[in-house]
């Protein structure tokens, strides 16, 4: 499995710590045991393992300068003696010589899904001729976490969803087919953790959770008067509001029946509590639109109920189905809450992306709770204008202007950082419990939730 790490340096000599990014790639790939091979793709960029301590890094820089000082009369810098020299070629003979003191290659070991590094060790790319746009090549090999098994589980879920829709009346099955396609991986993965793992029952549960989730989306889109979801017309927009309500109700009922047929009281309770939280938070969401755009505390309360509760229930129900230990179920529930919250924050940011598949500013026009909008409204510079615009009618010009102000305010980087912090916290919840080797896959799934806003 191959990958590239891209980054920009800002100084002539700079030590760029790549440890966390390499660790993220290991988690995303699901590498359990093996090696990560790295190669610098530049003749003035080295690789090194050492301690990330500022004074020590300054010592390293001083050492390089003493051994190969800049401007010391390198023949490489005598452009009159070289052929086809680009006009922007820098005098960097010293940087090439310094690279010989380092290495262009490095290999790190991976055990149990994590890098094998000493307590003080970090993996650096060493810039010797910055500032530059740089790239390091990665290749991962070894034992990956159940990749073939996960593919087969996904196929089982797709077959189960197709089977359930096939027996339904066409007027309700047709609009639902447009929504089904997201893999309920949380249920699949967590259902393999305990001693009673059963792929067929896990597929049935995953299909039920997927139907339940999409039923909530159909009703949510109707309440929000949304015209598009993930680039496609919503059921309400394509079929009309009456059909949307009927289709949503039908699949709420069907998902409930499928969950009851599984016959696990813990699973039923977990999903029933999540559905109750979804409905209660939808009521709060509608009630709060009179104080639009609201505040962070209100926003967090709503999304924990509307989004995070079902993420948590998916994790918990899969683990309960497999007979996982109570501490594992609890840890996965906390993981799901954090992941679901970060996912919603990432989804809020999509509203300000022209490549999202929906009109930019659709959430603004429909007065949907949005964390970037809340932060922009609180901003000392743009906040007053944002609040004034939101208090009036929102035509195309007003929506466009609000979107511009949100982008200019710094709200988007703030939300991005907050979402990534939640993902880090979610992954840490997995560290204290035994997950039968599935930690890398769950961590990779969590990291992918915010990849779209990186």
Protein backbone atom coordinates (compact mmCIF):
# COMPACT_ATOMS: atom_id res chain seq x y z
CA UNK A 1 0.00 0.00 0.00
CA UNK A 2 1.53 3.31 -1.13
CA UNK A 3 0.93 6.90 -0.11
CA UNK A 4 2.51 10.37 -0.31
CA UNK A 5 2.93 12.86 2.52
CA UNK A 6 2.81 16.45 1.21
CA UNK A 7 3.89 19.43 3.29
CA UNK A 8 5.32 22.94 2.98
CA UNK A 9 8.44 24.12 4.79
CA UNK A 10 8.93 27.73 5.89
CA UNK A 11 12.64 27.99 6.82
CA UNK A 12 15.97 27.37 5.11
CA UNK A 13 16.69 24.59 7.61
CA UNK A 14 13.72 23.00 9.34
CA UNK A 15 12.91 19.79 11.21
CA UNK A 16 9.37 18.70 10.28
CA UNK A 17 7.93 16.11 12.69
CA UNK A 18 6.01 13.57 10.59
CA UNK A 19 5.32 11.08 13.40
CA UNK A 20 1.61 11.78 13.87
CA UNK A 21 0.91 11.84 10.14
CA UNK A 22 2.67 8.49 9.64
CA UNK A 23 0.76 7.07 12.60
CA UNK A 24 -2.49 8.28 10.99
CA UNK A 25 -1.60 6.49 7.75
CA UNK A 26 -0.95 3.27 9.67
CA UNK A 27 -4.35 3.54 11.35
CA UNK A 28 -6.13 4.44 8.13
CA UNK A 29 -4.61 1.47 6.31
CA UNK A 30 -5.38 -0.92 9.19
CA UNK A 31 -1.75 -2.11 9.38
CA UNK A 32 -1.46 -4.30 12.49
CA UNK A 33 2.09 -5.66 12.24
CA UNK A 34 4.68 -4.78 9.63
CA UNK A 35 6.79 -1.89 8.39
CA UNK A 36 6.48 1.60 6.99
CA UNK A 37 9.13 2.38 4.38
CA UNK A 38 9.82 6.06 3.65
CA UNK A 39 11.78 7.80 0.93
CA UNK A 40 12.48 11.50 0.44
CA UNK A 41 11.68 12.56 -3.12
CA UNK A 42 14.12 15.50 -3.04
CA UNK A 43 17.92 15.80 -3.07
CA UNK A 44 17.88 18.49 -0.36
CA UNK A 45 15.43 16.83 2.03
CA UNK A 46 16.68 14.21 4.47
CA UNK A 47 15.02 11.82 6.92
CA UNK A 48 16.08 11.24 10.51
CA UNK A 49 14.86 9.79 13.81
CA UNK A 50 15.67 11.81 16.90
CA UNK A 51 14.19 13.78 19.79
CA UNK A 52 11.80 16.65 19.17
CA UNK A 53 13.30 19.13 21.61
CA UNK A 54 13.82 22.73 20.37
CA UNK A 55 17.29 23.30 21.83
CA UNK A 56 18.52 19.95 20.53
CA UNK A 57 17.14 20.70 17.07
CA UNK A 58 19.01 24.01 17.15
CA UNK A 59 22.17 22.08 18.01
CA UNK A 60 21.61 19.84 14.99
CA UNK A 61 21.17 22.87 12.74
CA UNK A 62 24.39 24.41 14.08
CA UNK A 63 26.23 21.14 13.46
CA UNK A 64 25.07 21.00 9.86
CA UNK A 65 26.14 24.61 9.36
CA UNK A 66 29.63 23.90 10.72
CA UNK A 67 30.11 20.77 8.61
CA UNK A 68 28.74 22.23 5.37
CA UNK A 69 28.46 26.03 5.73
CA UNK A 70 26.41 28.06 3.27
CA UNK A 71 28.40 30.12 0.76
CA UNK A 72 31.62 28.17 1.23
CA UNK A 73 32.49 28.06 -2.47
CA UNK A 74 30.75 24.93 -3.79
CA UNK A 75 31.39 24.05 -7.44
CA UNK A 76 27.68 23.19 -7.75
CA UNK A 77 26.96 26.90 -7.24
CA UNK A 78 29.22 27.98 -10.14
CA UNK A 79 26.40 28.33 -12.65
CA UNK A 80 28.80 29.47 -15.40
CA UNK A 81 30.24 25.94 -15.52
CA UNK A 82 26.87 24.15 -15.57
CA UNK A 83 24.49 23.52 -18.46
CA UNK A 84 20.76 24.22 -18.65
CA UNK A 85 20.54 25.86 -15.24
CA UNK A 86 16.99 27.14 -14.50
CA UNK A 87 16.69 30.88 -13.99
CA UNK A 88 15.35 30.37 -10.47
CA UNK A 89 18.06 27.87 -9.44
CA UNK A 90 19.29 28.73 -5.91
CA UNK A 91 22.88 28.48 -4.74
CA UNK A 92 22.37 25.36 -2.65
CA UNK A 93 25.55 23.31 -2.85
CA UNK A 94 25.68 23.31 0.94
CA UNK A 95 22.21 21.75 1.13
CA UNK A 96 23.19 18.87 -1.17
CA UNK A 97 26.31 18.21 0.89
CA UNK A 98 24.31 18.28 4.13
CA UNK A 99 21.91 15.71 2.70
CA UNK A 100 24.84 13.25 2.46
CA UNK A 101 25.16 13.50 6.25
CA UNK A 102 21.56 12.32 6.63
CA UNK A 103 19.60 9.71 4.67
CA UNK A 104 16.93 9.76 2.02
CA UNK A 105 15.41 6.54 3.38
CA UNK A 106 13.93 5.28 6.66
CA UNK A 107 11.92 2.29 7.87
CA UNK A 108 9.72 2.15 10.95
CA UNK A 109 8.33 -1.01 12.51
CA UNK A 110 4.63 -1.39 13.37
CA UNK A 111 3.37 -3.65 16.16
CA UNK A 112 -0.26 -4.02 17.24
CA UNK A 113 -1.32 -1.15 15.02
CA UNK A 114 1.16 1.46 16.29
CA UNK A 115 4.64 2.71 15.40
CA UNK A 116 7.56 1.20 17.31
CA UNK A 117 9.39 4.25 18.63
CA UNK A 118 11.27 4.93 21.84
CA UNK A 119 9.82 7.30 24.41
CA UNK A 120 11.66 10.34 23.05
CA UNK A 121 11.90 9.38 19.37
CA UNK A 122 10.19 11.20 16.52
CA UNK A 123 10.41 10.80 12.75
CA UNK A 124 11.63 13.95 11.00
CA UNK A 125 11.86 15.22 7.47
CA UNK A 126 14.85 17.57 7.52
CA UNK A 127 14.52 20.55 5.18
CA UNK A 128 17.94 21.73 3.99
CA UNK A 129 16.99 24.29 1.33
CA UNK A 130 13.64 25.81 2.26
CA UNK A 131 11.10 27.13 2.04
CA UNK A 132 9.80 24.49 -0.35
CA UNK A 133 6.84 22.29 -1.26
CA UNK A 134 7.94 18.78 -0.24
CA UNK A 135 6.83 15.17 -0.59
CA UNK A 136 7.80 11.93 1.14
CA UNK A 137 6.80 8.55 -0.32
CA UNK A 138 5.41 5.86 2.01
CA UNK A 139 4.94 2.14 1.47
CA UNK A 140 3.21 -0.03 4.09
CA UNK A 141 3.56 -3.80 4.17
CA UNK A 142 2.71 -6.54 6.61
CA UNK A 143 -0.44 -7.85 8.29
CA UNK A 144 -3.51 -5.69 7.75
CA UNK A 145 -6.64 -5.83 9.90
CA UNK A 146 -9.12 -8.28 8.41
CA UNK A 147 -9.36 -6.53 5.05
CA UNK A 148 -10.85 -9.54 3.21
CA UNK A 149 -13.29 -10.21 6.03
CA UNK A 150 -14.48 -6.60 6.03
CA UNK A 151 -15.12 -6.69 2.29
CA UNK A 152 -17.27 -9.80 2.73
CA UNK A 153 -19.15 -8.20 5.63
CA UNK A 154 -19.93 -5.15 3.50
CA UNK A 155 -21.24 -7.46 0.77
CA UNK A 156 -23.47 -9.20 3.32
CA UNK A 157 -24.93 -5.87 4.44
CA UNK A 158 -25.55 -4.76 0.85
CA UNK A 159 -27.34 -8.05 0.14
CA UNK A 160 -29.44 -7.72 3.28
CA UNK A 161 -30.42 -4.14 2.41
CA UNK A 162 -31.31 -5.18 -1.14
CA UNK A 163 -33.35 -8.10 0.22
CA UNK A 164 -35.29 -5.86 2.59
CA UNK A 165 -36.05 -3.29 -0.11
CA UNK A 166 -37.00 -5.95 -2.65
CA UNK A 167 -40.00 -7.13 -0.60
CA UNK A 168 -41.27 -3.60 0.08
CA UNK A 169 -43.96 -1.81 -1.93
CA UNK A 170 -42.35 0.05 -4.83
CA UNK A 171 -43.74 3.49 -3.82
CA UNK A 172 -41.74 3.38 -0.57
CA UNK A 173 -38.75 1.29 -1.72
CA UNK A 174 -37.93 3.47 -4.73
CA UNK A 175 -37.13 6.69 -2.85
CA UNK A 176 -35.20 4.78 -0.16
CA UNK A 177 -32.90 3.23 -2.78
CA UNK A 178 -31.52 6.68 -3.51
CA UNK A 179 -30.26 6.96 0.07
CA UNK A 180 -28.90 3.48 0.76
CA UNK A 181 -25.20 3.19 -0.05
CA UNK A 182 -23.40 4.37 3.06
CA UNK A 183 -21.69 1.38 4.66
CA UNK A 184 -22.76 0.89 8.29
CA UNK A 185 -19.18 -0.02 9.14
CA UNK A 186 -19.43 0.81 12.81
CA UNK A 187 -21.90 -2.02 13.35
CA UNK A 188 -19.86 -4.40 11.18
CA UNK A 189 -16.62 -3.73 13.01
CA UNK A 190 -17.91 -3.71 16.56
CA UNK A 191 -19.98 -6.86 15.97
CA UNK A 192 -16.70 -8.72 15.45
CA UNK A 193 -15.18 -7.84 18.80
CA UNK A 194 -16.92 -10.17 21.25
CA UNK A 195 -16.88 -13.98 21.57
CA UNK A 196 -20.25 -14.48 19.80
CA UNK A 197 -19.39 -12.89 16.48
CA UNK A 198 -21.95 -13.86 13.81
CA UNK A 199 -21.53 -12.17 10.39
CA UNK A 200 -25.11 -12.92 9.26
CA UNK A 201 -26.73 -11.46 12.38
CA UNK A 202 -24.31 -8.52 12.19
CA UNK A 203 -25.44 -7.87 8.60
CA UNK A 204 -29.09 -7.91 9.70
CA UNK A 205 -28.36 -5.43 12.49
CA UNK A 206 -26.26 -3.21 10.24
CA UNK A 207 -29.04 -3.13 7.64
CA UNK A 208 -31.59 -2.24 10.31
CA UNK A 209 -29.40 0.58 11.64
CA UNK A 210 -28.88 1.87 8.08
CA UNK A 211 -32.63 1.91 7.42
CA UNK A 212 -33.26 3.63 10.75
CA UNK A 213 -30.61 6.25 10.02
CA UNK A 214 -31.95 7.00 6.55
CA UNK A 215 -35.49 7.25 7.88
CA UNK A 216 -34.29 10.02 10.24
CA UNK A 217 -32.62 11.76 7.28
CA UNK A 218 -35.83 11.72 5.25
CA UNK A 219 -37.78 13.40 8.05
CA UNK A 220 -34.91 15.77 8.85
CA UNK A 221 -34.68 16.93 5.24
CA UNK A 222 -38.44 17.55 5.17
CA UNK A 223 -38.35 19.63 8.38
CA UNK A 224 -35.31 21.60 7.13
CA UNK A 225 -36.87 22.03 3.67
CA UNK A 226 -33.58 20.71 2.23
CA UNK A 227 -33.51 20.22 -1.52
CA UNK A 228 -30.29 18.18 -1.76
CA UNK A 229 -28.32 15.67 0.27
CA UNK A 230 -24.86 14.54 -0.88
CA UNK A 231 -25.49 15.92 -4.36
CA UNK A 232 -28.87 14.22 -4.86
CA UNK A 233 -32.41 15.60 -4.48
CA UNK A 234 -33.95 14.78 -1.11
CA UNK A 235 -36.99 12.51 -0.98
CA UNK A 236 -39.14 15.50 -0.03
CA UNK A 237 -37.86 17.50 -3.01
CA UNK A 238 -38.19 14.63 -5.49
CA UNK A 239 -41.38 12.95 -4.24
CA UNK A 240 -43.18 15.65 -2.27
CA UNK A 241 -43.57 16.18 1.49
CA UNK A 242 -46.46 13.72 1.95
CA UNK A 243 -44.47 10.90 0.35
CA UNK A 244 -41.37 11.81 2.41
CA UNK A 245 -43.31 11.54 5.69
CA UNK A 246 -44.85 8.22 4.64
CA UNK A 247 -41.55 6.71 3.49
CA UNK A 248 -39.79 7.83 6.65
CA UNK A 249 -42.55 6.40 8.87
CA UNK A 250 -42.53 3.10 6.96
CA UNK A 251 -38.81 2.56 7.43
CA UNK A 252 -38.89 3.62 11.08
CA UNK A 253 -41.42 0.83 11.57
CA UNK A 254 -39.50 -1.68 9.47
CA UNK A 255 -36.18 -0.98 11.19
CA UNK A 256 -37.89 -1.37 14.56
CA UNK A 257 -39.29 -4.77 13.53
CA UNK A 258 -35.90 -5.98 12.27
CA UNK A 259 -34.21 -4.89 15.51
CA UNK A 260 -36.88 -6.67 17.59
CA UNK A 261 -36.43 -9.87 15.55
CA UNK A 262 -32.74 -9.95 16.42
CA UNK A 263 -33.90 -10.71 19.94
CA UNK A 264 -31.16 -9.03 21.95
CA UNK A 265 -32.57 -6.82 24.72
CA UNK A 266 -29.41 -4.76 25.05
CA UNK A 267 -29.34 -4.01 21.32
CA UNK A 268 -33.01 -3.03 21.32
CA UNK A 269 -32.58 -0.72 24.31
CA UNK A 270 -29.47 0.98 22.88
CA UNK A 271 -31.16 1.79 19.58
CA UNK A 272 -34.47 2.79 21.21
CA UNK A 273 -32.67 5.26 23.47
CA UNK A 274 -30.82 6.68 20.46
CA UNK A 275 -34.04 7.14 18.50
CA UNK A 276 -35.63 8.88 21.49
CA UNK A 277 -32.62 11.23 21.65
CA UNK A 278 -32.86 11.95 17.91
CA UNK A 279 -36.52 12.93 18.16
CA UNK A 280 -36.05 15.06 21.30
CA UNK A 281 -33.14 16.91 19.72
CA UNK A 282 -35.06 17.54 16.52
CA UNK A 283 -37.73 19.28 18.63
CA UNK A 284 -35.01 21.37 20.33
CA UNK A 285 -33.47 22.17 16.94
CA UNK A 286 -36.72 23.55 15.55
CA UNK A 287 -37.44 25.50 18.74
CA UNK A 288 -34.01 27.16 18.68
CA UNK A 289 -34.39 28.58 15.21
CA UNK A 290 -36.04 31.63 16.71
CA UNK A 291 -32.67 32.57 18.23
CA UNK A 292 -30.68 31.71 15.08
CA UNK A 293 -27.72 31.15 14.78
CA UNK A 294 -27.71 30.19 18.49
CA UNK A 295 -24.68 29.44 20.65
CA UNK A 296 -22.17 26.64 20.95
CA UNK A 297 -23.74 24.99 24.02
CA UNK A 298 -27.13 24.75 22.34
CA UNK A 299 -25.52 23.47 19.15
CA UNK A 300 -23.60 20.75 21.02
CA UNK A 301 -26.74 19.64 22.84
CA UNK A 302 -28.64 19.26 19.57
CA UNK A 303 -25.98 17.40 17.59
CA UNK A 304 -25.23 15.01 20.44
CA UNK A 305 -28.86 13.95 20.20
CA UNK A 306 -29.46 14.17 16.45
CA UNK A 307 -26.16 12.76 15.19
CA UNK A 308 -23.83 11.46 17.89
CA UNK A 309 -26.45 9.33 19.67
CA UNK A 310 -26.97 7.07 16.65
CA UNK A 311 -23.20 6.77 16.07
CA UNK A 312 -22.85 5.67 19.70
CA UNK A 313 -25.77 3.24 19.43
CA UNK A 314 -24.29 1.67 16.27
CA UNK A 315 -21.02 1.02 18.13
CA UNK A 316 -22.73 -0.23 21.28
CA UNK A 317 -25.29 -2.43 19.52
CA UNK A 318 -22.66 -4.24 17.44
CA UNK A 319 -20.57 -4.91 20.53
CA UNK A 320 -23.62 -6.05 22.52
CA UNK A 321 -24.64 -8.41 19.72
CA UNK A 322 -21.21 -10.06 19.86
CA UNK A 323 -21.25 -10.43 23.65
CA UNK A 324 -18.44 -7.94 24.28
CA UNK A 325 -17.51 -7.05 27.87
CA UNK A 326 -19.35 -4.10 29.49
CA UNK A 327 -16.19 -1.95 29.64
CA UNK A 328 -15.69 -2.48 25.89
CA UNK A 329 -19.32 -1.52 25.16
CA UNK A 330 -18.97 1.63 27.27
CA UNK A 331 -15.69 2.64 25.61
CA UNK A 332 -17.19 2.12 22.15
CA UNK A 333 -20.19 4.23 23.14
CA UNK A 334 -17.91 7.11 24.12
CA UNK A 335 -15.96 6.58 20.89
CA UNK A 336 -19.20 6.84 18.92
CA UNK A 337 -20.32 10.04 20.64
CA UNK A 338 -17.01 11.76 19.89
CA UNK A 339 -16.92 10.45 16.32
CA UNK A 340 -20.51 11.48 15.65
CA UNK A 341 -19.92 14.97 17.01
CA UNK A 342 -16.81 15.42 14.86
CA UNK A 343 -18.66 14.05 11.83
CA UNK A 344 -21.42 16.66 12.23
CA UNK A 345 -18.86 19.47 12.57
CA UNK A 346 -17.22 18.27 9.35
CA UNK A 347 -20.63 18.15 7.70
CA UNK A 348 -21.27 21.77 8.74
CA UNK A 349 -18.11 22.83 6.92
CA UNK A 350 -19.27 21.12 3.72
CA UNK A 351 -21.94 23.84 3.40
CA UNK A 352 -19.17 26.31 2.58
CA UNK A 353 -17.48 24.10 -0.04
CA UNK A 354 -18.32 24.62 -3.75
CA UNK A 355 -17.49 20.92 -4.40
CA UNK A 356 -19.96 19.56 -1.81
CA UNK A 357 -22.69 18.65 -4.28
CA UNK A 358 -25.18 21.09 -2.79
CA UNK A 359 -25.55 24.86 -3.23
CA UNK A 360 -23.12 26.82 -1.07
CA UNK A 361 -24.94 28.40 1.85
CA UNK A 362 -27.92 26.06 1.79
CA UNK A 363 -27.75 25.65 5.59
CA UNK A 364 -27.70 29.45 5.96
CA UNK A 365 -30.76 29.85 3.75
CA UNK A 366 -32.65 27.18 5.70
CA UNK A 367 -31.43 28.50 9.08
CA UNK A 368 -29.93 25.16 10.11
CA UNK A 369 -27.75 25.15 13.23
CA UNK A 370 -24.11 25.37 12.12
CA UNK A 371 -20.97 25.74 14.21
CA UNK A 372 -19.00 27.78 11.62
CA UNK A 373 -21.90 30.22 11.49
CA UNK A 374 -22.07 30.46 15.30
CA UNK A 375 -18.34 31.20 15.52
CA UNK A 376 -18.55 33.77 12.71
CA UNK A 377 -21.48 35.51 14.45
CA UNK A 378 -19.35 35.76 17.62
CA UNK A 379 -16.35 37.20 15.76
CA UNK A 380 -15.46 40.76 16.79
CA UNK A 381 -14.76 41.88 13.23
CA UNK A 382 -17.41 40.23 11.03
CA UNK A 383 -19.88 39.20 13.74
CA UNK A 384 -22.03 42.36 13.72
CA UNK A 385 -22.61 42.16 9.95
CA UNK A 386 -23.30 38.40 10.12
CA UNK A 387 -25.93 38.91 12.84
CA UNK A 388 -27.52 41.82 10.97
CA UNK A 389 -27.83 39.78 7.77
CA UNK A 390 -29.23 36.72 9.56
CA UNK A 391 -31.86 38.87 11.29
CA UNK A 392 -33.38 39.84 7.94
CA UNK A 393 -34.61 38.15 4.79
CA UNK A 394 -32.03 35.81 3.25
CA UNK A 395 -31.97 36.21 -0.51
CA UNK A 396 -29.16 35.07 -2.77
CA UNK A 397 -27.08 38.19 -2.16
CA UNK A 398 -27.43 37.97 1.62
CA UNK A 399 -26.62 34.24 1.71
CA UNK A 400 -23.57 34.78 -0.48
CA UNK A 401 -22.35 37.60 1.72
CA UNK A 402 -22.79 35.56 4.92
CA UNK A 403 -20.83 32.69 3.34
CA UNK A 404 -18.02 35.12 2.43
CA UNK A 405 -17.94 36.48 5.99
CA UNK A 406 -17.81 32.99 7.51
CA UNK A 407 -14.88 32.08 5.27
CA UNK A 408 -13.06 35.33 6.11
CA UNK A 409 -13.64 35.06 9.87
CA UNK A 410 -11.38 32.12 10.66
CA UNK A 411 -14.39 30.09 11.82
CA UNK A 412 -13.71 27.22 9.41
CA UNK A 413 -10.13 26.49 10.61
CA UNK A 414 -11.40 26.71 14.19
CA UNK A 415 -14.13 24.12 13.55
CA UNK A 416 -11.69 21.93 11.62
CA UNK A 417 -9.25 21.92 14.53
CA UNK A 418 -12.03 21.18 17.00
CA UNK A 419 -13.29 18.24 14.92
CA UNK A 420 -9.81 16.78 14.64
CA UNK A 421 -9.34 17.12 18.40
CA UNK A 422 -12.55 15.13 18.93
CA UNK A 423 -11.29 12.40 16.60
CA UNK A 424 -8.04 12.19 18.56
CA UNK A 425 -10.06 11.85 21.77
CA UNK A 426 -12.24 9.17 20.14
CA UNK A 427 -9.20 7.12 19.14
CA UNK A 428 -7.81 7.40 22.67
CA UNK A 429 -11.01 5.78 24.00
CA UNK A 430 -9.98 2.63 22.13
CA UNK A 431 -6.60 2.37 23.83
CA UNK A 432 -7.73 1.08 27.22
CA UNK A 433 -9.82 -1.91 26.08
CA UNK A 434 -9.20 -5.15 24.19
CA UNK A 435 -10.71 -4.95 20.70
CA UNK A 436 -9.50 -8.23 19.21
CA UNK A 437 -7.21 -6.49 16.73
CA UNK A 438 -9.89 -4.16 15.36
CA UNK A 439 -8.50 -0.94 16.83
CA UNK A 440 -6.63 0.10 13.62
CA UNK A 441 -9.76 -0.34 11.50
CA UNK A 442 -11.93 1.66 13.92
CA UNK A 443 -9.26 4.36 14.21
CA UNK A 444 -8.95 4.53 10.42
CA UNK A 445 -12.70 4.90 10.09
CA UNK A 446 -12.67 7.74 12.61
CA UNK A 447 -9.84 9.54 10.82
CA UNK A 448 -11.69 9.26 7.50
CA UNK A 449 -14.60 11.21 9.05
CA UNK A 450 -12.60 14.43 8.91
CA UNK A 451 -10.47 13.67 5.84
CA UNK A 452 -12.96 15.57 3.69
CA UNK A 453 -12.17 18.82 5.56
CA UNK A 454 -8.36 18.41 5.70
